[in-house]
Amino acid sequence: MGREIKFRMWEKDIRVMYYDDAVCLWDAYNSSLNYQLQQTLECDNLVLMQFTGIKDKHDKDIYDGDIVKMYDERMPKEYSQQIVVVTFENGCFMFGGFFPYGLRGQEVEVIGNVYEHLHLFRENV
């Protein structure tokens, strides 16, 4: 089975994150935008984020825009724990600038996202 495709969406004006069923942007049957959502939300006001296909150590979905804490016991102590932002760059998801394939052997934990919890990232850089 392929990777699960799902999205979440940040509405800038009212500062609300929508998940899963609330983000039905695409009608797979006729390939048209969901009329109801299109009528109720302004597109300039939304930020769409895709699920990476990866879950954290608590089985929580990791999305583009998440702030994650990464632990790697193989690294020297000063580098064994990092807080990074998940981004989508050049056609792939990156964890602090690194391709997720490099996450083998690491524990990853979602601690927030850049829209609701940016202070978590700023405090740790």
Protein backbone atom coordinates (compact mmCIF):
# COMPACT_ATOMS: atom_id res chain seq x y z
CA MET A 1 0.00 0.00 0.00
CA GLY A 2 1.22 3.51 -0.81
CA ARG A 3 1.70 6.42 1.53
CA GLU A 4 -1.43 7.92 3.04
CA ILE A 5 -2.18 11.36 1.55
CA LYS A 6 -3.82 13.84 3.89
CA PHE A 7 -3.60 17.51 4.75
CA ARG A 8 -4.15 20.03 7.48
CA MET A 9 -4.84 23.71 6.98
CA TRP A 10 -4.07 26.89 8.95
CA GLU A 11 -6.55 29.74 8.64
CA LYS A 12 -4.52 32.90 9.19
CA ASP A 13 -7.21 35.42 10.15
CA ILE A 14 -8.82 33.43 12.94
CA ARG A 15 -5.67 31.44 13.80
CA VAL A 16 -7.29 27.99 13.63
CA MET A 17 -5.79 24.68 12.45
CA TYR A 18 -8.12 22.29 10.62
CA TYR A 19 -7.30 18.58 10.42
CA ASP A 20 -8.37 15.52 8.44
CA ASP A 21 -12.07 15.55 7.50
CA ALA A 22 -12.31 19.33 7.81
CA VAL A 23 -9.81 19.60 4.95
CA CYS A 24 -11.69 17.95 2.08
CA LEU A 25 -10.15 20.05 -0.67
CA TRP A 26 -10.24 17.53 -3.48
CA ASP A 27 -13.12 15.44 -4.70
CA ALA A 28 -11.50 12.28 -6.03
CA TYR A 29 -14.60 11.31 -7.99
CA ASN A 30 -14.77 14.28 -10.31
CA SER A 31 -11.47 16.10 -9.61
CA SER A 32 -13.09 19.38 -8.62
CA LEU A 33 -12.61 21.58 -5.57
CA ASN A 34 -15.06 21.00 -2.77
CA TYR A 35 -17.71 23.66 -3.44
CA GLN A 36 -18.73 24.15 0.17
CA LEU A 37 -15.17 24.75 1.39
CA GLN A 38 -14.44 26.99 -1.57
CA GLN A 39 -17.47 29.13 -0.70
CA THR A 40 -16.73 29.44 3.03
CA LEU A 41 -12.97 30.06 3.14
CA GLU A 42 -10.79 32.54 1.26
CA CYS A 43 -7.80 30.79 -0.32
CA ASP A 44 -5.42 33.73 0.34
CA ASN A 45 -6.13 33.22 4.01
CA LEU A 46 -5.11 29.54 4.12
CA VAL A 47 -1.87 27.61 4.45
CA LEU A 48 -2.11 24.00 3.32
CA MET A 49 0.30 21.44 4.85
CA GLN A 50 0.74 17.83 3.78
CA PHE A 51 1.28 14.76 5.96
CA THR A 52 4.84 13.48 5.50
CA GLY A 53 3.85 9.83 5.76
CA ILE A 54 5.95 9.60 8.94
CA LYS A 55 4.69 9.32 12.52
CA ASP A 56 6.54 10.40 15.64
CA LYS A 57 7.42 8.22 18.65
CA HIS A 58 3.90 8.75 20.04
CA ASP A 59 2.29 7.66 16.74
CA LYS A 60 1.36 11.28 15.94
CA ASP A 61 1.28 12.31 12.26
CA ILE A 62 4.12 14.61 11.18
CA TYR A 63 3.16 17.41 8.77
CA ASP A 64 5.01 20.04 6.81
CA GLY A 65 5.38 22.98 9.22
CA ASP A 66 5.73 20.85 12.35
CA ILE A 67 8.41 21.56 14.93
CA VAL A 68 10.00 18.29 15.97
CA LYS A 69 12.51 17.26 18.60
CA MET A 70 14.94 14.68 17.26
CA TYR A 71 16.99 12.39 19.50
CA ASP A 72 19.91 10.34 18.24
CA GLU A 73 21.96 8.42 20.78
CA ARG A 74 24.59 7.64 18.12
CA MET A 75 25.62 11.32 18.03
CA PRO A 76 27.92 13.12 20.50
CA LYS A 77 25.96 14.45 23.48
CA GLU A 78 25.96 18.09 22.29
CA TYR A 79 24.35 17.02 18.99
CA SER A 80 22.15 14.17 20.22
CA GLN A 81 19.07 16.35 20.62
CA GLN A 82 17.90 18.89 18.04
CA ILE A 83 14.73 20.90 17.47
CA VAL A 84 13.99 21.42 13.78
CA VAL A 85 11.19 22.46 11.45
CA VAL A 86 9.76 20.04 8.88
CA THR A 87 9.66 21.65 5.43
CA PHE A 88 8.83 20.65 1.87
CA GLU A 89 11.73 21.56 -0.43
CA ASN A 90 12.55 20.56 -3.99
CA GLY A 91 9.87 17.89 -4.07
CA CYS A 92 10.59 16.18 -0.73
CA PHE A 93 10.07 16.61 2.98
CA MET A 94 13.09 17.75 4.96
CA PHE A 95 13.68 17.58 8.71
CA GLY A 96 15.89 20.53 9.58
CA GLY A 97 17.41 20.39 6.12
CA PHE A 98 17.94 16.62 6.18
CA PHE A 99 16.10 14.02 4.13
CA PRO A 100 13.92 11.82 6.40
CA TYR A 101 15.79 8.69 5.30
CA GLY A 102 18.44 9.84 7.75
CA LEU A 103 15.96 9.51 10.59
CA ARG A 104 16.68 5.80 10.99
CA GLY A 105 17.95 5.22 14.50
CA GLN A 106 16.47 8.45 15.76
CA GLU A 107 13.43 9.13 17.85
CA VAL A 108 11.30 12.01 16.59
CA GLU A 109 8.65 13.84 18.63
CA VAL A 110 6.25 16.53 17.40
CA ILE A 111 6.32 19.40 19.89
CA GLY A 112 4.31 21.97 17.91
CA ASN A 113 4.03 23.73 14.58
CA VAL A 114 5.29 27.01 13.15
CA TYR A 115 1.85 28.66 13.21
CA GLU A 116 0.76 27.91 16.76
CA HIS A 117 4.08 27.31 18.54
CA LEU A 118 6.88 29.17 16.71
CA HIS A 119 8.32 30.23 20.08
CA LEU A 120 9.37 26.58 20.65
CA PHE A 121 11.67 26.77 17.66
CA ARG A 122 12.96 30.30 18.30
CA GLU A 123 13.84 29.46 21.91
CA ASN A 124 16.03 26.58 20.78
CA VAL A 125 18.03 28.04 17.88
